[in-house]
Structure formats: C-alpha cells, structure tokens
Amino acid sequence: MNHSFLTRLAGFGAAEAMIVDGVPHDYASLCALVGDWTAELDRHGVRAGDVVCLEAAYSPAACAALLALIARGAIIVPLSSTPPAKRAEFLAVAEVESVITVKPNGNNTFTSTGGTASHELYGQLRATATPGLVLFSSGTSGRSKASLLDFDKVLGRYGEPSRPRRTLSFLSLDHIGGINTLLHTFSQGGAIITVPERTPDAVFTAIERDQVGVLPTTPTFLNMALVSRAYERHRTDSLELITYGTEPMPPKTLDRLRSALPGVRLKQTYGLSELGIMPTRSRADDSLWLKIGGAGFDYKIVDDVLWVRSDMAMLGYLNAPADFDADGYFNTQDVVRVDGDYVRILGRRSEIINVGGEKVYPSEVEGVLLEMPNVADVTVSGRQSHVTGMVVKATIQLIEDEDERAVRRRVREFCGHRLEPFKVPVVVEVNRERQYSERFKKIRSVR
C-alpha cells in the first residue's frame, strides 16, 4: 500500500466495503484485490504516467483495479457501457496506451493499443508521478469534452473518517458523481451498495435488503421512482438522505418526493467534471435554492452565469480550449438566479430556448407539464421556426395510453393558464422512448 489513501482503507479491516448482489466484501479482501492488480500491472509493465483505460461496471475487482492504478500513478480513463464508435473516439482523444477490461465473469483482459500518449497536459502529471483522471462530458448537446484532473487533488477533498454510511452506487465510474460517491464512501470506511440495473424496483430492493442510508441520483430517476411507486413496495426506513444533481429538479417532483418519503432528508448537489463536487447546503428540503462553495471553492456571477474557482479544477481539456478567466474562474455555462447567499440553477445556457427574443428555460415548462394528469415524464427543447427563430417543443411520456390529439389540446390549455404565451409548447409529441442518457440526464436536442 504505497499511497496514503490505500493505507487508510487498509485500516478499516473487516468493515464492509462493498455489497454486491447482497454479498458483502470487506476492506481486507478489497485491499488484497488491490495487491493482485498491482502484480498484474507489474506483469504488463504499467508505469507511472501511462494512460490506461479502465472499462468496468461497479464491482470489487473494478474498484480494486482503480485503486491500484491510482497507487501506480497512472492516468486513468474510466469507461462504462459505451457504443463502439464513441469508445473509439474516447480512446483516441485520451491517447490511451492500454485498456483493462473488467468482466463480470472474472475473465479480465489487458490490451495494449500500441499508441503513445504525448499530450502536453500529461507532462504536468508525469513530472511528479501524480495519478490523473480523464472524464468525458455526456455530450448530449454536442461533442464530448475530455477533462484531465490531478487525482491526488481529487482525493485531497476527503477528510478524516467521521461517519461511515451505506451508500448506493447509482452514478457510474466514468462520471464525476460516481467517482465522488465511491471515494468519499471508502474514505469514511462506509459501504458501497451495487445494483444489477438502475430501475426503480432494483434500487428500492437494494435499499430494503442492504439497509442503504444514502441514495445519490438524478431528478429524472427520482421522477421515474415516483411514477412507478417502487418506494411503496419496499421498506425505506434505513434511507436517511437523497442527494440529487446533474440537471435542474422540477419543483413538482421535489414536492411529490417529500410527500412520498417524509422522513428522508433531501439535498441538492452541484459539481462538474472540470471542477469536482462542490460543498452545498440546500435552504430547505422543499427548496431549490442552495449555498455553494466553501474550502477550496469560490464563485462569482457574470451576466447571470455561474463562474467557479476550484482548488481541484482540471488541468484543462484534452480536445478543446478551457474557459478559465485570468483569475482562475471557470465558466460553467449554468444560468442562475441569486437571492442573497443562495443561488438557483436554471439550466445550461445552451439549452435556453429563444422565442422571438424571449428566454424560455426548459425546466420551468417541464415543471408545469409534470403537474398534468397522466403525464409520467416530459422533456422540453427548442424547435427551429422561420417566424420566431425557435418555438417550444414538449416530448411527453404518458402513464396510460391516450389519444395524441387530446394530449396536445390538454397541454396547450393547461399551459395557457400557467405560462406566458411564448412559453406554451407549440409542438407536442407523445413518445414512449426514453428521453434520458445512460447517466439518467435529460437529452435535449434542437431541430
């Protein structure tokens, strides 16, 4: 154990580190797996500064491989289930030199790409044998960007053990939220609970069976859980905290969540691959206003857009210029409102719909539409218009089948009483296909 983080984990000994399909794995066995992976890295000649892709879902073997690569000082590119074309793009952008694939059946593979990573940003990490982390943005509204972070700075955010918790692993290891969930839980000597699939019933089955205390997830998933009523079919008395982020939370979903799980504390989080996860404090469980910042973080608002300065900010993008100003503040592209010390995230600037010069925030319209009867979920985006530049489009998923023409009439009538005319959807589609990404974040496209 030649890394301080691994030394801490070794000290937790027989405490449960992970529970996979109901089977517990303690820290001693996890650290033994790290030793096995260290020997495997030796066998394949992996050195500090090498760029290694780790293809894996949550498992003790995958987490041990990640920890072994950190200790080795490698630059790690985590990937989960990725379409072949996107996978090839990511490997090329990151200049991956070798690929470790951790398979559920234990037949893990190690493949050399034959390439050499020479990006100038890698040199900054190699000079000090510091481990690195490459994370790709979701790319739902454009090309995926590759952020390069100093992994030691990521680990430096976790304080001394205080309260170990049992936390469900919802966000995957190629997401800053998934990495944060894993490492924060391990740093405290807590247990990570995995699920075979991210469906409401699978998640709430694990909450009951494995006594989950913390559920980090997204508003999209929470709405799915409410519509499915999975929380009524399983005991949730162990659940203490639900954290949500990655996209704006519809107020109606938040209200319904408080009613469905009245004993559970609700906390909005905020973070970006480029900056890490920031300390936050919600004004109240029923409020979308939050305080952000704290030790190592600072922010300012410029033209209603949030700019953040972070001690663990990325070194830069591997495939794009980074939007830092002269003082080190990063342009998050998130539009916010301000109320004293609190801010409210309205959405990405790129998602704002400009209707004849008027701004429409998709989350506002979605929040209204979710109040309608027989609406399971809705995604609002822009549609090009020769008259107003853009109009509002709503793609709706129904709870029960209904005539689409009747849905359109109901939408326009319902919104007409609650929204300004330019915010009322002009285009209404009923679609049974999911409107969210593998990261359970709404996909918005402008046509």
Foldseek 3Di string as FASTA:
>chain_A
DQDPLLVLLVVLPQFFAEAEPNRTDHSPVLSVLLVVLLVVCVVVVDAALAEEEEEDWDDSNSVSNVVNCQSRNYAYQYDYDDPPVVVVVVCVLQQHQKYWYQDPVRPIDIGGPPTDDDQPLSVVSRVPSFYKYWAWDPQLAHDIWIFIWGVVVVLVVADAADDAFEEEQQFTPRFLVNVCVSSNNSRNSHYYYYFPDLALLRVQVCCQSVLHAEYEAELLRLLRNLLVVNPVVGDNVSHAEYEYEPWAHQLVSLVSVCVSCVRHAYYYWDDDPQAHTWDKDAPGSSGQKIATHDVQKDWDADPQWIWMAGPGGTPAISPDGFQADPVRTGGPQFGWDDDPRIIGTQGGVVFWEQFQNDTDRQSHLQSQVVVDPFFSGKGKGWEADPPGRTAIEIETEGSDDDPQVVVLVVQQVSVVVPDDPRHRGPHYHYDNDDQADPRSHGRYYYD
